[in-house]
Amino acid sequence: MSEETVPQQGGTGQSKGLLQQMEELMAALNADLSALDADLQAAGDAGRGPGEEEQVG
């Protein structure tokens, strides 16, 4: 999303609007990252053969 698509508001309404937008964007980003992490974990688990354990440390 670019700045051109964000409606311009005056006064304190702009700050509240931008803060709310940032919170929504951060929530969406966290959800995307969680989904990506789950996909990578699943891909890593699928790549290991039987009897192979994850090395820790």
N, C-alpha and C. Protein backbone atom coordinates (compact mmCIF):
# COMPACT_ATOMS: atom_id res chain seq x y z
N MET A 1 0.86 -1.18 0.00
CA MET A 1 0.00 0.00 0.00
C MET A 1 0.90 1.23 0.00
N SER A 2 0.57 2.18 -0.83
CA SER A 2 1.37 3.38 -0.89
C SER A 2 0.66 4.51 -0.16
N GLU A 3 1.38 5.61 0.02
CA GLU A 3 0.81 6.75 0.73
C GLU A 3 -0.40 7.33 -0.01
N GLU A 4 -0.42 7.17 -1.32
CA GLU A 4 -1.52 7.74 -2.09
C GLU A 4 -2.85 7.06 -1.76
N THR A 5 -2.82 5.82 -1.32
CA THR A 5 -4.06 5.11 -1.04
C THR A 5 -4.58 5.36 0.37
N VAL A 6 -3.78 6.02 1.22
CA VAL A 6 -4.21 6.31 2.58
C VAL A 6 -4.96 7.63 2.59
N PRO A 7 -6.21 7.63 3.06
CA PRO A 7 -6.96 8.89 3.10
C PRO A 7 -6.31 9.88 4.07
N GLN A 8 -6.22 11.12 3.65
CA GLN A 8 -5.63 12.15 4.48
C GLN A 8 -6.68 12.75 5.40
N GLN A 9 -6.35 12.79 6.69
CA GLN A 9 -7.25 13.39 7.67
C GLN A 9 -6.47 14.45 8.44
N GLY A 10 -7.19 15.42 9.00
CA GLY A 10 -6.51 16.46 9.75
C GLY A 10 -6.63 16.24 11.25
N GLY A 11 -5.77 16.94 12.01
CA GLY A 11 -5.85 16.92 13.45
C GLY A 11 -5.45 15.60 14.07
N THR A 12 -6.01 15.31 15.26
CA THR A 12 -5.65 14.10 15.98
C THR A 12 -6.24 12.86 15.35
N GLY A 13 -7.26 13.00 14.51
CA GLY A 13 -7.85 11.86 13.83
C GLY A 13 -6.85 11.14 12.95
N GLN A 14 -5.92 11.89 12.36
CA GLN A 14 -4.90 11.28 11.51
C GLN A 14 -3.99 10.37 12.33
N SER A 15 -3.56 10.82 13.50
CA SER A 15 -2.68 10.02 14.33
C SER A 15 -3.37 8.73 14.76
N LYS A 16 -4.62 8.85 15.19
CA LYS A 16 -5.35 7.66 15.61
C LYS A 16 -5.56 6.73 14.43
N GLY A 17 -5.88 7.27 13.28
CA GLY A 17 -6.07 6.45 12.09
C GLY A 17 -4.79 5.74 11.68
N LEU A 18 -3.69 6.44 11.71
CA LEU A 18 -2.41 5.83 11.33
C LEU A 18 -2.00 4.78 12.34
N LEU A 19 -2.22 5.05 13.63
CA LEU A 19 -1.88 4.07 14.65
C LEU A 19 -2.71 2.80 14.47
N GLN A 20 -3.99 2.97 14.21
CA GLN A 20 -4.84 1.80 14.00
C GLN A 20 -4.40 1.03 12.76
N GLN A 21 -4.06 1.73 11.70
CA GLN A 21 -3.58 1.07 10.48
C GLN A 21 -2.29 0.31 10.74
N MET A 22 -1.39 0.92 11.50
CA MET A 22 -0.12 0.25 11.82
C MET A 22 -0.36 -1.00 12.65
N GLU A 23 -1.29 -0.92 13.61
CA GLU A 23 -1.61 -2.10 14.42
C GLU A 23 -2.18 -3.22 13.56
N GLU A 24 -3.06 -2.85 12.63
CA GLU A 24 -3.65 -3.85 11.74
C GLU A 24 -2.59 -4.46 10.83
N LEU A 25 -1.69 -3.64 10.31
CA LEU A 25 -0.62 -4.15 9.46
C LEU A 25 0.32 -5.07 10.23
N MET A 26 0.63 -4.69 11.47
CA MET A 26 1.51 -5.53 12.29
C MET A 26 0.84 -6.86 12.61
N ALA A 27 -0.46 -6.84 12.88
CA ALA A 27 -1.18 -8.09 13.15
C ALA A 27 -1.18 -8.98 11.91
N ALA A 28 -1.38 -8.39 10.75
CA ALA A 28 -1.36 -9.17 9.50
C ALA A 28 0.04 -9.72 9.24
N LEU A 29 1.07 -8.91 9.50
CA LEU A 29 2.44 -9.37 9.31
C LEU A 29 2.76 -10.52 10.26
N ASN A 30 2.34 -10.41 11.51
CA ASN A 30 2.59 -11.49 12.47
C ASN A 30 1.89 -12.77 12.02
N ALA A 31 0.68 -12.65 11.51
CA ALA A 31 -0.05 -13.84 11.04
C ALA A 31 0.68 -14.47 9.85
N ASP A 32 1.15 -13.63 8.93
CA ASP A 32 1.89 -14.14 7.77
C ASP A 32 3.19 -14.83 8.19
N LEU A 33 3.89 -14.21 9.15
CA LEU A 33 5.14 -14.81 9.61
C LEU A 33 4.90 -16.12 10.35
N SER A 34 3.81 -16.19 11.10
CA SER A 34 3.48 -17.43 11.80
C SER A 34 3.17 -18.54 10.80
N ALA A 35 2.44 -18.20 9.75
CA ALA A 35 2.12 -19.18 8.71
C ALA A 35 3.39 -19.62 7.98
N LEU A 36 4.28 -18.69 7.69
CA LEU A 36 5.53 -19.02 7.03
C LEU A 36 6.38 -19.92 7.92
N ASP A 37 6.43 -19.60 9.21
CA ASP A 37 7.20 -20.42 10.14
C ASP A 37 6.64 -21.84 10.19
N ALA A 38 5.32 -21.97 10.23
CA ALA A 38 4.70 -23.29 10.25
C ALA A 38 5.03 -24.06 8.96
N ASP A 39 4.99 -23.38 7.82
CA ASP A 39 5.33 -24.02 6.54
C ASP A 39 6.78 -24.49 6.54
N LEU A 40 7.68 -23.65 7.04
CA LEU A 40 9.09 -24.02 7.06
C LEU A 40 9.34 -25.16 8.03
N GLN A 41 8.67 -25.16 9.16
CA GLN A 41 8.81 -26.25 10.12
C GLN A 41 8.33 -27.56 9.50
N ALA A 42 7.20 -27.51 8.81
CA ALA A 42 6.65 -28.71 8.17
C ALA A 42 7.59 -29.20 7.07
N ALA A 43 8.15 -28.29 6.30
CA ALA A 43 9.07 -28.68 5.23
C ALA A 43 10.34 -29.28 5.82
N GLY A 44 10.81 -28.74 6.92
CA GLY A 44 12.00 -29.28 7.56
C GLY A 44 11.75 -30.66 8.13
N ASP A 45 10.59 -30.85 8.73
CA ASP A 45 10.25 -32.16 9.29
C ASP A 45 10.09 -33.20 8.17
N ALA A 46 9.53 -32.80 7.05
CA ALA A 46 9.31 -33.73 5.94
C ALA A 46 10.63 -34.13 5.30
N GLY A 47 11.66 -33.28 5.39
CA GLY A 47 12.94 -33.56 4.77
C GLY A 47 13.79 -34.55 5.54
N ARG A 48 13.44 -34.80 6.79
CA ARG A 48 14.21 -35.75 7.59
C ARG A 48 13.70 -37.17 7.38
N GLY A 49 14.62 -38.09 7.33
CA GLY A 49 14.24 -39.49 7.17
C GLY A 49 13.88 -40.11 8.51
N PRO A 50 13.37 -41.32 8.49
CA PRO A 50 13.02 -41.99 9.74
C PRO A 50 14.26 -42.24 10.59
N GLY A 51 14.12 -42.03 11.88
CA GLY A 51 15.23 -42.26 12.79
C GLY A 51 16.16 -41.06 12.94
N GLU A 52 16.00 -40.07 12.10
CA GLU A 52 16.83 -38.88 12.23
C GLU A 52 16.16 -37.92 13.21
N GLU A 53 16.96 -37.42 14.15
CA GLU A 53 16.44 -36.49 15.13
C GLU A 53 17.08 -35.14 14.94
N GLU A 54 16.38 -34.11 15.37
CA GLU A 54 16.88 -32.76 15.25
C GLU A 54 18.05 -32.56 16.21
N GLN A 55 19.14 -31.99 15.71
CA GLN A 55 20.30 -31.72 16.53
C GLN A 55 20.09 -30.40 17.26
N VAL A 56 20.23 -30.39 18.58
CA VAL A 56 20.07 -29.18 19.36
C VAL A 56 21.43 -28.83 19.95
N GLY A 57 21.82 -27.55 19.75
CA GLY A 57 23.05 -27.12 20.37
C GLY A 57 24.15 -26.97 19.46
